Amino acid sequence: MTHSFAIPGMTCSGCERTVSRILSSIDGVTAVKTELQPSSRVEITMSHHIKTDAMNAALANVAKGKYVLLPDNTNGNSTNGMRTEVRTEDNASNDASTCAIVE
């Protein structure tokens, strides 16, 4: 499953590398894709749902609160302000019950 977040503290390529490194180190994160333009956002692919609070805690632990994951409202498919995309290669059965977001 893939979740997309706004991340306003990420302002340069150095920030992108730092955010990618921190998020990639979290158990269950399988890929991290960052984007600075047109707005700072990050797309996180994970093998199982990881709470946003846990990812923000990892970011805060290393980056001293500079980066915070926020709901990404730039593209549709919003669930409580968070864009979620389930790809068939991530979830072969495409069973919606395994894709529920619990925050």
C-alpha atoms as a PDB file:
ATOM      1  CA  MET A   1       0.000   0.000   0.000  1.00  0.00           C
ATOM      2  CA  THR A   2       1.107   3.525  -0.704  1.00  0.00           C
ATOM      3  CA  HIS A   3       0.323   6.640   1.332  1.00  0.00           C
ATOM      4  CA  SER A   4       1.052  10.193   0.252  1.00  0.00           C
ATOM      5  CA  PHE A   5       1.741  13.056   2.655  1.00  0.00           C
ATOM      6  CA  ALA A   6       2.542  16.758   2.464  1.00  0.00           C
ATOM      7  CA  ILE A   7       5.835  17.537   4.202  1.00  0.00           C
ATOM      8  CA  PRO A   8       6.310  21.314   4.382  1.00  0.00           C
ATOM      9  CA  GLY A   9       9.696  21.210   6.157  1.00  0.00           C
ATOM     10  CA  MET A  10      11.333  19.546   3.143  1.00  0.00           C
ATOM     11  CA  THR A  11      12.725  22.424   1.081  1.00  0.00           C
ATOM     12  CA  CYS A  12      15.848  21.182  -0.779  1.00  0.00           C
ATOM     13  CA  SER A  13      17.541  18.086  -2.170  1.00  0.00           C
ATOM     14  CA  GLY A  14      19.420  17.634   1.112  1.00  0.00           C
ATOM     15  CA  CYS A  15      16.086  17.544   2.918  1.00  0.00           C
ATOM     16  CA  GLU A  16      14.827  14.981   0.407  1.00  0.00           C
ATOM     17  CA  ARG A  17      17.802  12.703   1.118  1.00  0.00           C
ATOM     18  CA  THR A  18      17.359  13.055   4.881  1.00  0.00           C
ATOM     19  CA  VAL A  19      13.608  12.355   4.770  1.00  0.00           C
ATOM     20  CA  SER A  20      14.138   9.366   2.456  1.00  0.00           C
ATOM     21  CA  ARG A  21      16.872   7.942   4.699  1.00  0.00           C
ATOM     22  CA  ILE A  22      14.824   8.303   7.887  1.00  0.00           C
ATOM     23  CA  LEU A  23      11.590   6.920   6.466  1.00  0.00           C
ATOM     24  CA  SER A  24      13.357   4.081   4.633  1.00  0.00           C
ATOM     25  CA  SER A  25      14.860   2.928   7.943  1.00  0.00           C
ATOM     26  CA  ILE A  26      11.397   2.235   9.416  1.00  0.00           C
ATOM     27  CA  ASP A  27      10.511  -1.465   9.512  1.00  0.00           C
ATOM     28  CA  GLY A  28       7.817  -2.132   6.909  1.00  0.00           C
ATOM     29  CA  VAL A  29       8.649   0.800   4.612  1.00  0.00           C
ATOM     30  CA  THR A  30       9.538  -0.629   1.217  1.00  0.00           C
ATOM     31  CA  ALA A  31       9.944   2.562  -0.847  1.00  0.00           C
ATOM     32  CA  VAL A  32      10.043   6.333  -0.385  1.00  0.00           C
ATOM     33  CA  LYS A  33       9.536   8.824  -3.204  1.00  0.00           C
ATOM     34  CA  THR A  34       9.951  12.545  -2.508  1.00  0.00           C
ATOM     35  CA  GLU A  35       8.858  15.549  -4.545  1.00  0.00           C
ATOM     36  CA  LEU A  36       9.726  19.210  -4.007  1.00  0.00           C
ATOM     37  CA  GLN A  37       7.718  20.782  -6.836  1.00  0.00           C
ATOM     38  CA  PRO A  38       4.960  21.815  -7.188  1.00  0.00           C
ATOM     39  CA  SER A  39       4.603  21.118  -3.467  1.00  0.00           C
ATOM     40  CA  SER A  40       6.746  19.277  -0.947  1.00  0.00           C
ATOM     41  CA  ARG A  41       5.333  15.793  -0.548  1.00  0.00           C
ATOM     42  CA  VAL A  42       6.409  12.240   0.069  1.00  0.00           C
ATOM     43  CA  GLU A  43       4.924   8.966  -1.118  1.00  0.00           C
ATOM     44  CA  ILE A  44       5.601   6.026   1.194  1.00  0.00           C
ATOM     45  CA  THR A  45       5.067   2.429   0.147  1.00  0.00           C
ATOM     46  CA  MET A  46       4.794  -0.027   3.006  1.00  0.00           C
ATOM     47  CA  SER A  47       4.273  -3.749   3.448  1.00  0.00           C
ATOM     48  CA  HIS A  48       1.794  -3.136   6.284  1.00  0.00           C
ATOM     49  CA  HIS A  49       0.087  -0.038   7.646  1.00  0.00           C
ATOM     50  CA  ILE A  50       2.358   2.141   9.755  1.00  0.00           C
ATOM     51  CA  LYS A  51       0.725   4.853  11.835  1.00  0.00           C
ATOM     52  CA  THR A  52       1.529   8.415  10.856  1.00  0.00           C
ATOM     53  CA  ASP A  53       2.441   9.158  14.475  1.00  0.00           C
ATOM     54  CA  ALA A  54       5.142   6.465  14.366  1.00  0.00           C
ATOM     55  CA  MET A  55       6.633   7.880  11.161  1.00  0.00           C
ATOM     56  CA  ASN A  56       6.527  11.420  12.570  1.00  0.00           C
ATOM     57  CA  ALA A  57       8.249  10.185  15.742  1.00  0.00           C
ATOM     58  CA  ALA A  58      11.082   8.709  13.645  1.00  0.00           C
ATOM     59  CA  LEU A  59      11.423  11.993  11.737  1.00  0.00           C
ATOM     60  CA  ALA A  60      11.392  14.039  14.968  1.00  0.00           C
ATOM     61  CA  ASN A  61      13.945  11.762  16.619  1.00  0.00           C
ATOM     62  CA  VAL A  62      16.542  12.429  13.924  1.00  0.00           C
ATOM     63  CA  ALA A  63      15.562  15.808  12.475  1.00  0.00           C
ATOM     64  CA  LYS A  64      14.513  17.529  15.722  1.00  0.00           C
ATOM     65  CA  GLY A  65      10.984  18.335  14.528  1.00  0.00           C
ATOM     66  CA  LYS A  66      11.935  19.944  11.212  1.00  0.00           C
ATOM     67  CA  TYR A  67       9.848  17.489   9.162  1.00  0.00           C
ATOM     68  CA  VAL A  68       6.232  16.582   9.844  1.00  0.00           C
ATOM     69  CA  LEU A  69       4.005  14.396   7.682  1.00  0.00           C
ATOM     70  CA  LEU A  70       0.646  16.072   7.066  1.00  0.00           C
ATOM     71  CA  PRO A  71      -2.411  14.991   5.084  1.00  0.00           C
ATOM     72  CA  ASP A  72      -1.818  15.373   1.336  1.00  0.00           C
ATOM     73  CA  ASN A  73      -4.862  16.983  -0.225  1.00  0.00           C
ATOM     74  CA  THR A  74      -3.261  17.653  -3.624  1.00  0.00           C
ATOM     75  CA  ASN A  75      -4.679  14.576  -5.363  1.00  0.00           C
ATOM     76  CA  GLY A  76      -8.042  12.830  -5.006  1.00  0.00           C
ATOM     77  CA  ASN A  77      -8.592   9.488  -3.288  1.00  0.00           C
ATOM     78  CA  SER A  78      -8.632  11.174   0.099  1.00  0.00           C
ATOM     79  CA  THR A  79      -9.467   9.354   3.340  1.00  0.00           C
ATOM     80  CA  ASN A  80      -9.524  11.783   6.252  1.00  0.00           C
ATOM     81  CA  GLY A  81      -7.224  14.036   4.236  1.00  0.00           C
ATOM     82  CA  MET A  82      -4.724  11.276   3.432  1.00  0.00           C
ATOM     83  CA  ARG A  83      -4.406  10.025  -0.121  1.00  0.00           C
ATOM     84  CA  THR A  84      -4.206   6.257  -0.273  1.00  0.00           C
ATOM     85  CA  GLU A  85      -3.507   4.144  -3.288  1.00  0.00           C
ATOM     86  CA  VAL A  86      -3.560   0.382  -3.250  1.00  0.00           C
ATOM     87  CA  ARG A  87      -1.662  -1.161  -6.117  1.00  0.00           C
ATOM     88  CA  THR A  88      -2.309  -4.712  -7.198  1.00  0.00           C
ATOM     89  CA  GLU A  89       1.397  -5.545  -7.036  1.00  0.00           C
ATOM     90  CA  ASP A  90       1.376  -4.439  -3.390  1.00  0.00           C
ATOM     91  CA  ASN A  91      -1.713  -6.458  -2.500  1.00  0.00           C
ATOM     92  CA  ALA A  92      -2.273  -9.286  -4.978  1.00  0.00           C
ATOM     93  CA  SER A  93      -5.700 -10.194  -3.629  1.00  0.00           C
ATOM     94  CA  ASN A  94      -6.740  -6.514  -3.595  1.00  0.00           C
ATOM     95  CA  ASP A  95      -8.743  -7.310  -0.479  1.00  0.00           C
ATOM     96  CA  ALA A  96     -10.113  -3.971   0.732  1.00  0.00           C
ATOM     97  CA  SER A  97     -10.256  -5.198   4.344  1.00  0.00           C
ATOM     98  CA  THR A  98      -6.442  -5.371   4.410  1.00  0.00           C
ATOM     99  CA  CYS A  99      -6.194  -1.796   3.156  1.00  0.00           C
ATOM    100  CA  ALA A 100      -8.156  -0.056   5.902  1.00  0.00           C
ATOM    101  CA  ILE A 101      -6.527   3.002   7.409  1.00  0.00           C
ATOM    102  CA  VAL A 102      -6.606   3.120  11.178  1.00  0.00           C
ATOM    103  CA  GLU A 103      -5.181   6.270  12.711  1.00  0.00           C
END
